[in-house]
Amino acid sequence: MSVTENENRKMWSSEKLFISANDFFEDLISDIYEAEESISIEAYIYQFDELGQRLYKALHESALRGLKIQLLV
């Protein structure tokens, strides 16, 4: 299946440049809570520090809502 140029623009219509890692993770966690079907995250490093625990909590609560969660580390 090929994606038309118009469909490609729609998929990338809300790109955002993050200068701060904190801003990135705040948006990521917010997006996790707003997800409706599934969440897929790929990370090179995952630490169970304060941020890792917040991310885990958001993913866990989303799984309890019935979402499919994929975390590749």
PDB file of N, CA and C in Angstrom:
ATOM      1  N   MET A   1       0.849  -1.174   0.000  1.00  0.00           N
ATOM      2  CA  MET A   1       0.000   0.000   0.000  1.00  0.00           C
ATOM      3  C   MET A   1       0.893   1.235   0.000  1.00  0.00           C
ATOM      4  N   SER A   2       0.639   2.139  -0.898  1.00  0.00           N
ATOM      5  CA  SER A   2       1.455   3.342  -0.942  1.00  0.00           C
ATOM      6  C   SER A   2       0.692   4.514  -0.326  1.00  0.00           C
ATOM      7  N   VAL A   3       1.437   5.407   0.244  1.00  0.00           N
ATOM      8  CA  VAL A   3       0.859   6.592   0.887  1.00  0.00           C
ATOM      9  C   VAL A   3       0.962   7.743  -0.096  1.00  0.00           C
ATOM     10  N   THR A   4      -0.166   8.404  -0.347  1.00  0.00           N
ATOM     11  CA  THR A   4      -0.142   9.541  -1.256  1.00  0.00           C
ATOM     12  C   THR A   4       0.540  10.721  -0.573  1.00  0.00           C
ATOM     13  N   GLU A   5       0.961  11.687  -1.382  1.00  0.00           N
ATOM     14  CA  GLU A   5       1.633  12.877  -0.829  1.00  0.00           C
ATOM     15  C   GLU A   5       0.715  13.613   0.142  1.00  0.00           C
ATOM     16  N   ASN A   6      -0.570  13.701  -0.171  1.00  0.00           N
ATOM     17  CA  ASN A   6      -1.529  14.375   0.702  1.00  0.00           C
ATOM     18  C   ASN A   6      -1.680  13.632   2.030  1.00  0.00           C
ATOM     19  N   GLU A   7      -1.753  12.302   1.985  1.00  0.00           N
ATOM     20  CA  GLU A   7      -1.848  11.509   3.218  1.00  0.00           C
ATOM     21  C   GLU A   7      -0.582  11.659   4.049  1.00  0.00           C
ATOM     22  N   ASN A   8       0.565  11.714   3.379  1.00  0.00           N
ATOM     23  CA  ASN A   8       1.838  11.876   4.073  1.00  0.00           C
ATOM     24  C   ASN A   8       1.870  13.218   4.808  1.00  0.00           C
ATOM     25  N   ARG A   9       1.370  14.271   4.200  1.00  0.00           N
ATOM     26  CA  ARG A   9       1.327  15.579   4.863  1.00  0.00           C
ATOM     27  C   ARG A   9       0.441  15.537   6.097  1.00  0.00           C
ATOM     28  N   LYS A  10      -0.686  14.841   6.013  1.00  0.00           N
ATOM     29  CA  LYS A  10      -1.596  14.742   7.157  1.00  0.00           C
ATOM     30  C   LYS A  10      -0.937  14.005   8.322  1.00  0.00           C
ATOM     31  N   MET A  11      -0.191  12.937   8.010  1.00  0.00           N
ATOM     32  CA  MET A  11       0.452  12.161   9.065  1.00  0.00           C
ATOM     33  C   MET A  11       1.496  12.993   9.787  1.00  0.00           C
ATOM     34  N   TRP A  12       2.148  13.902   9.091  1.00  0.00           N
ATOM     35  CA  TRP A  12       3.246  14.674   9.683  1.00  0.00           C
ATOM     36  C   TRP A  12       2.857  16.133   9.881  1.00  0.00           C
ATOM     37  N   SER A  13       1.582  16.398  10.031  1.00  0.00           N
ATOM     38  CA  SER A  13       1.143  17.787  10.136  1.00  0.00           C
ATOM     39  C   SER A  13       1.394  18.391  11.515  1.00  0.00           C
ATOM     40  N   SER A  14       1.784  17.586  12.471  1.00  0.00           N
ATOM     41  CA  SER A  14       1.965  18.130  13.816  1.00  0.00           C
ATOM     42  C   SER A  14       3.360  17.846  14.372  1.00  0.00           C
ATOM     43  N   GLU A  15       4.350  17.834  13.500  1.00  0.00           N
ATOM     44  CA  GLU A  15       5.696  17.603  14.006  1.00  0.00           C
ATOM     45  C   GLU A  15       6.110  18.754  14.922  1.00  0.00           C
ATOM     46  N   LYS A  16       7.003  18.438  15.840  1.00  0.00           N
ATOM     47  CA  LYS A  16       7.407  19.396  16.849  1.00  0.00           C
ATOM     48  C   LYS A  16       8.903  19.232  17.119  1.00  0.00           C
ATOM     49  N   LEU A  17       9.591  20.322  17.271  1.00  0.00           N
ATOM     50  CA  LEU A  17      11.005  20.303  17.609  1.00  0.00           C
ATOM     51  C   LEU A  17      11.139  20.572  19.102  1.00  0.00           C
ATOM     52  N   PHE A  18      11.800  19.654  19.798  1.00  0.00           N
ATOM     53  CA  PHE A  18      11.990  19.802  21.244  1.00  0.00           C
ATOM     54  C   PHE A  18      13.420  20.255  21.512  1.00  0.00           C
ATOM     55  N   ILE A  19      13.564  21.305  22.279  1.00  0.00           N
ATOM     56  CA  ILE A  19      14.864  21.789  22.693  1.00  0.00           C
ATOM     57  C   ILE A  19      15.228  21.172  24.038  1.00  0.00           C
ATOM     58  N   SER A  20      14.224  20.883  24.829  1.00  0.00           N
ATOM     59  CA  SER A  20      14.418  20.353  26.180  1.00  0.00           C
ATOM     60  C   SER A  20      13.907  18.916  26.268  1.00  0.00           C
ATOM     61  N   ALA A  21      14.712  18.045  26.867  1.00  0.00           N
ATOM     62  CA  ALA A  21      14.278  16.657  27.081  1.00  0.00           C
ATOM     63  C   ALA A  21      13.048  16.622  27.980  1.00  0.00           C
ATOM     64  N   ASN A  22      12.996  17.510  28.958  1.00  0.00           N
ATOM     65  CA  ASN A  22      11.825  17.543  29.849  1.00  0.00           C
ATOM     66  C   ASN A  22      10.550  17.818  29.067  1.00  0.00           C
ATOM     67  N   ASP A  23      10.604  18.764  28.129  1.00  0.00           N
ATOM     68  CA  ASP A  23       9.426  19.052  27.305  1.00  0.00           C
ATOM     69  C   ASP A  23       9.033  17.834  26.478  1.00  0.00           C
ATOM     70  N   PHE A  24      10.025  17.134  25.924  1.00  0.00           N
ATOM     71  CA  PHE A  24       9.751  15.936  25.133  1.00  0.00           C
ATOM     72  C   PHE A  24       9.022  14.890  25.973  1.00  0.00           C
ATOM     73  N   PHE A  25       9.542  14.604  27.162  1.00  0.00           N
ATOM     74  CA  PHE A  25       8.931  13.553  27.973  1.00  0.00           C
ATOM     75  C   PHE A  25       7.576  13.963  28.526  1.00  0.00           C
ATOM     76  N   GLU A  26       7.385  15.241  28.818  1.00  0.00           N
ATOM     77  CA  GLU A  26       6.054  15.705  29.242  1.00  0.00           C
ATOM     78  C   GLU A  26       5.042  15.464  28.127  1.00  0.00           C
ATOM     79  N   ASP A  27       5.405  15.801  26.894  1.00  0.00           N
ATOM     80  CA  ASP A  27       4.512  15.562  25.758  1.00  0.00           C
ATOM     81  C   ASP A  27       4.299  14.070  25.527  1.00  0.00           C
ATOM     82  N   LEU A  28       5.358  13.291  25.642  1.00  0.00           N
ATOM     83  CA  LEU A  28       5.248  11.842  25.450  1.00  0.00           C
ATOM     84  C   LEU A  28       4.267  11.238  26.454  1.00  0.00           C
ATOM     85  N   ILE A  29       4.409  11.576  27.706  1.00  0.00           N
ATOM     86  CA  ILE A  29       3.522  11.031  28.741  1.00  0.00           C
ATOM     87  C   ILE A  29       2.092  11.504  28.524  1.00  0.00           C
ATOM     88  N   SER A  30       1.925  12.750  28.141  1.00  0.00           N
ATOM     89  CA  SER A  30       0.585  13.267  27.828  1.00  0.00           C
ATOM     90  C   SER A  30      -0.026  12.499  26.657  1.00  0.00           C
ATOM     91  N   ASP A  31       0.767  12.255  25.620  1.00  0.00           N
ATOM     92  CA  ASP A  31       0.281  11.492  24.465  1.00  0.00           C
ATOM     93  C   ASP A  31      -0.081  10.061  24.850  1.00  0.00           C
ATOM     94  N   ILE A  32       0.668   9.469  25.761  1.00  0.00           N
ATOM     95  CA  ILE A  32       0.356   8.109  26.220  1.00  0.00           C
ATOM     96  C   ILE A  32      -1.021   8.080  26.861  1.00  0.00           C
ATOM     97  N   TYR A  33      -1.311   9.057  27.714  1.00  0.00           N
ATOM     98  CA  TYR A  33      -2.615   9.095  28.369  1.00  0.00           C
ATOM     99  C   TYR A  33      -3.754   9.373  27.384  1.00  0.00           C
ATOM    100  N   GLU A  34      -3.446  10.038  26.260  1.00  0.00           N
ATOM    101  CA  GLU A  34      -4.473  10.360  25.269  1.00  0.00           C
ATOM    102  C   GLU A  34      -4.659   9.274  24.212  1.00  0.00           C
ATOM    103  N   ALA A  35      -3.766   8.291  24.181  1.00  0.00           N
ATOM    104  CA  ALA A  35      -3.847   7.235  23.162  1.00  0.00           C
ATOM    105  C   ALA A  35      -5.160   6.468  23.292  1.00  0.00           C
ATOM    106  N   GLU A  36      -5.642   5.981  22.156  1.00  0.00           N
ATOM    107  CA  GLU A  36      -6.935   5.305  22.150  1.00  0.00           C
ATOM    108  C   GLU A  36      -6.869   3.826  21.784  1.00  0.00           C
ATOM    109  N   GLU A  37      -5.826   3.392  21.075  1.00  0.00           N
ATOM    110  CA  GLU A  37      -5.776   2.000  20.634  1.00  0.00           C
ATOM    111  C   GLU A  37      -4.503   1.279  21.051  1.00  0.00           C
ATOM    112  N   SER A  38      -3.357   1.871  20.728  1.00  0.00           N
ATOM    113  CA  SER A  38      -2.089   1.203  21.000  1.00  0.00           C
ATOM    114  C   SER A  38      -0.982   2.232  21.181  1.00  0.00           C
ATOM    115  N   ILE A  39       0.111   1.762  21.794  1.00  0.00           N
ATOM    116  CA  ILE A  39       1.292   2.599  22.018  1.00  0.00           C
ATOM    117  C   ILE A  39       2.510   1.748  21.693  1.00  0.00           C
ATOM    118  N   SER A  40       3.387   2.265  20.837  1.00  0.00           N
ATOM    119  CA  SER A  40       4.640   1.589  20.501  1.00  0.00           C
ATOM    120  C   SER A  40       5.780   2.567  20.748  1.00  0.00           C
ATOM    121  N   ILE A  41       6.714   2.155  21.585  1.00  0.00           N
ATOM    122  CA  ILE A  41       7.870   2.999  21.910  1.00  0.00           C
ATOM    123  C   ILE A  41       9.136   2.175  21.750  1.00  0.00           C
ATOM    124  N   GLU A  42      10.124   2.763  21.098  1.00  0.00           N
ATOM    125  CA  GLU A  42      11.436   2.136  20.966  1.00  0.00           C
ATOM    126  C   GLU A  42      12.444   3.079  21.609  1.00  0.00           C
ATOM    127  N   ALA A  43      13.258   2.544  22.513  1.00  0.00           N
ATOM    128  CA  ALA A  43      14.248   3.364  23.211  1.00  0.00           C
ATOM    129  C   ALA A  43      15.566   2.618  23.294  1.00  0.00           C
ATOM    130  N   TYR A  44      16.638   3.362  23.236  1.00  0.00           N
ATOM    131  CA  TYR A  44      17.964   2.758  23.355  1.00  0.00           C
ATOM    132  C   TYR A  44      18.289   2.467  24.817  1.00  0.00           C
ATOM    133  N   ILE A  45      17.892   3.375  25.692  1.00  0.00           N
ATOM    134  CA  ILE A  45      18.162   3.239  27.130  1.00  0.00           C
ATOM    135  C   ILE A  45      16.860   3.493  27.888  1.00  0.00           C
ATOM    136  N   TYR A  46      16.590   2.670  28.870  1.00  0.00           N
ATOM    137  CA  TYR A  46      15.441   2.887  29.752  1.00  0.00           C
ATOM    138  C   TYR A  46      15.923   2.673  31.180  1.00  0.00           C
ATOM    139  N   GLN A  47      15.817   3.707  31.985  1.00  0.00           N
ATOM    140  CA  GLN A  47      16.197   3.600  33.387  1.00  0.00           C
ATOM    141  C   GLN A  47      14.951   3.739  34.241  1.00  0.00           C
ATOM    142  N   PHE A  48      14.901   2.989  35.317  1.00  0.00           N
ATOM    143  CA  PHE A  48      13.734   3.040  36.208  1.00  0.00           C
ATOM    144  C   PHE A  48      13.962   4.103  37.288  1.00  0.00           C
ATOM    145  N   ASP A  49      14.350   5.295  36.831  1.00  0.00           N
ATOM    146  CA  ASP A  49      14.498   6.433  37.730  1.00  0.00           C
ATOM    147  C   ASP A  49      13.149   7.141  37.833  1.00  0.00           C
ATOM    148  N   GLU A  50      13.124   8.368  38.317  1.00  0.00           N
ATOM    149  CA  GLU A  50      11.851   9.082  38.482  1.00  0.00           C
ATOM    150  C   GLU A  50      11.100   9.197  37.162  1.00  0.00           C
ATOM    151  N   LEU A  51      11.797   9.560  36.104  1.00  0.00           N
ATOM    152  CA  LEU A  51      11.165   9.676  34.795  1.00  0.00           C
ATOM    153  C   LEU A  51      10.718   8.309  34.277  1.00  0.00           C
ATOM    154  N   GLY A  52      11.564   7.301  34.417  1.00  0.00           N
ATOM    155  CA  GLY A  52      11.208   5.952  33.996  1.00  0.00           C
ATOM    156  C   GLY A  52       9.993   5.419  34.723  1.00  0.00           C
ATOM    157  N   GLN A  53       9.865   5.758  35.993  1.00  0.00           N
ATOM    158  CA  GLN A  53       8.699   5.338  36.770  1.00  0.00           C
ATOM    159  C   GLN A  53       7.433   6.046  36.295  1.00  0.00           C
ATOM    160  N   ARG A  54       7.546   7.331  35.947  1.00  0.00           N
ATOM    161  CA  ARG A  54       6.379   8.057  35.415  1.00  0.00           C
ATOM    162  C   ARG A  54       5.948   7.474  34.075  1.00  0.00           C
ATOM    163  N   LEU A  55       6.938   7.139  33.248  1.00  0.00           N
ATOM    164  CA  LEU A  55       6.633   6.535  31.955  1.00  0.00           C
ATOM    165  C   LEU A  55       5.981   5.169  32.148  1.00  0.00           C
ATOM    166  N   TYR A  56       6.534   4.368  33.051  1.00  0.00           N
ATOM    167  CA  TYR A  56       5.965   3.051  33.349  1.00  0.00           C
ATOM    168  C   TYR A  56       4.522   3.184  33.843  1.00  0.00           C
ATOM    169  N   LYS A  57       4.282   4.126  34.744  1.00  0.00           N
ATOM    170  CA  LYS A  57       2.926   4.322  35.287  1.00  0.00           C
ATOM    171  C   LYS A  57       1.950   4.672  34.168  1.00  0.00           C
ATOM    172  N   ALA A  58       2.343   5.571  33.278  1.00  0.00           N
ATOM    173  CA  ALA A  58       1.467   5.957  32.170  1.00  0.00           C
ATOM    174  C   ALA A  58       1.179   4.769  31.258  1.00  0.00           C
ATOM    175  N   LEU A  59       2.209   3.975  30.955  1.00  0.00           N
ATOM    176  CA  LEU A  59       2.013   2.792  30.106  1.00  0.00           C
ATOM    177  C   LEU A  59       1.150   1.753  30.799  1.00  0.00           C
ATOM    178  N   HIS A  60       1.396   1.534  32.087  1.00  0.00           N
ATOM    179  CA  HIS A  60       0.626   0.551  32.851  1.00  0.00           C
ATOM    180  C   HIS A  60      -0.851   0.946  32.913  1.00  0.00           C
ATOM    181  N   GLU A  61      -1.115   2.206  33.206  1.00  0.00           N
ATOM    182  CA  GLU A  61      -2.512   2.662  33.272  1.00  0.00           C
ATOM    183  C   GLU A  61      -3.186   2.564  31.904  1.00  0.00           C
ATOM    184  N   SER A  62      -2.437   2.809  30.847  1.00  0.00           N
ATOM    185  CA  SER A  62      -3.001   2.670  29.503  1.00  0.00           C
ATOM    186  C   SER A  62      -3.301   1.214  29.181  1.00  0.00           C
ATOM    187  N   ALA A  63      -2.432   0.312  29.623  1.00  0.00           N
ATOM    188  CA  ALA A  63      -2.689  -1.119  29.427  1.00  0.00           C
ATOM    189  C   ALA A  63      -3.950  -1.538  30.171  1.00  0.00           C
ATOM    190  N   LEU A  64      -4.149  -1.001  31.358  1.00  0.00           N
ATOM    191  CA  LEU A  64      -5.359  -1.319  32.118  1.00  0.00           C
ATOM    192  C   LEU A  64      -6.619  -0.795  31.428  1.00  0.00           C
ATOM    193  N   ARG A  65      -6.467   0.241  30.599  1.00  0.00           N
ATOM    194  CA  ARG A  65      -7.602   0.764  29.821  1.00  0.00           C
ATOM    195  C   ARG A  65      -7.852  -0.089  28.589  1.00  0.00           C
ATOM    196  N   GLY A  66      -6.994  -1.093  28.353  1.00  0.00           N
ATOM    197  CA  GLY A  66      -7.198  -2.003  27.233  1.00  0.00           C
ATOM    198  C   GLY A  66      -6.345  -1.720  26.018  1.00  0.00           C
ATOM    199  N   LEU A  67      -5.419  -0.793  26.101  1.00  0.00           N
ATOM    200  CA  LEU A  67      -4.557  -0.495  24.976  1.00  0.00           C
ATOM    201  C   LEU A  67      -3.483  -1.555  24.818  1.00  0.00           C
ATOM    202  N   LYS A  68      -3.062  -1.764  23.577  1.00  0.00           N
ATOM    203  CA  LYS A  68      -1.936  -2.661  23.295  1.00  0.00           C
ATOM    204  C   LYS A  68      -0.662  -1.840  23.473  1.00  0.00           C
ATOM    205  N   ILE A  69       0.247  -2.325  24.325  1.00  0.00           N
ATOM    206  CA  ILE A  69       1.478  -1.606  24.623  1.00  0.00           C
ATOM    207  C   ILE A  69       2.669  -2.396  24.097  1.00  0.00           C
ATOM    208  N   GLN A  70       3.567  -1.725  23.366  1.00  0.00           N
ATOM    209  CA  GLN A  70       4.808  -2.324  22.893  1.00  0.00           C
ATOM    210  C   GLN A  70       5.945  -1.402  23.317  1.00  0.00           C
ATOM    211  N   LEU A  71       6.888  -1.931  24.086  1.00  0.00           N
ATOM    212  CA  LEU A  71       8.055  -1.174  24.521  1.00  0.00           C
ATOM    213  C   LEU A  71       9.284  -1.984  24.162  1.00  0.00           C
ATOM    214  N   LEU A  72      10.081  -1.477  23.236  1.00  0.00           N
ATOM    215  CA  LEU A  72      11.290  -2.153  22.797  1.00  0.00           C
ATOM    216  C   LEU A  72      12.487  -1.365  23.314  1.00  0.00           C
ATOM    217  N   VAL A  73      13.316  -2.025  24.138  1.00  0.00           N
ATOM    218  CA  VAL A  73      14.502  -1.361  24.702  1.00  0.00           C
ATOM    219  C   VAL A  73      15.733  -2.099  24.229  1.00  0.00           C
TER     220      VAL A  73
END
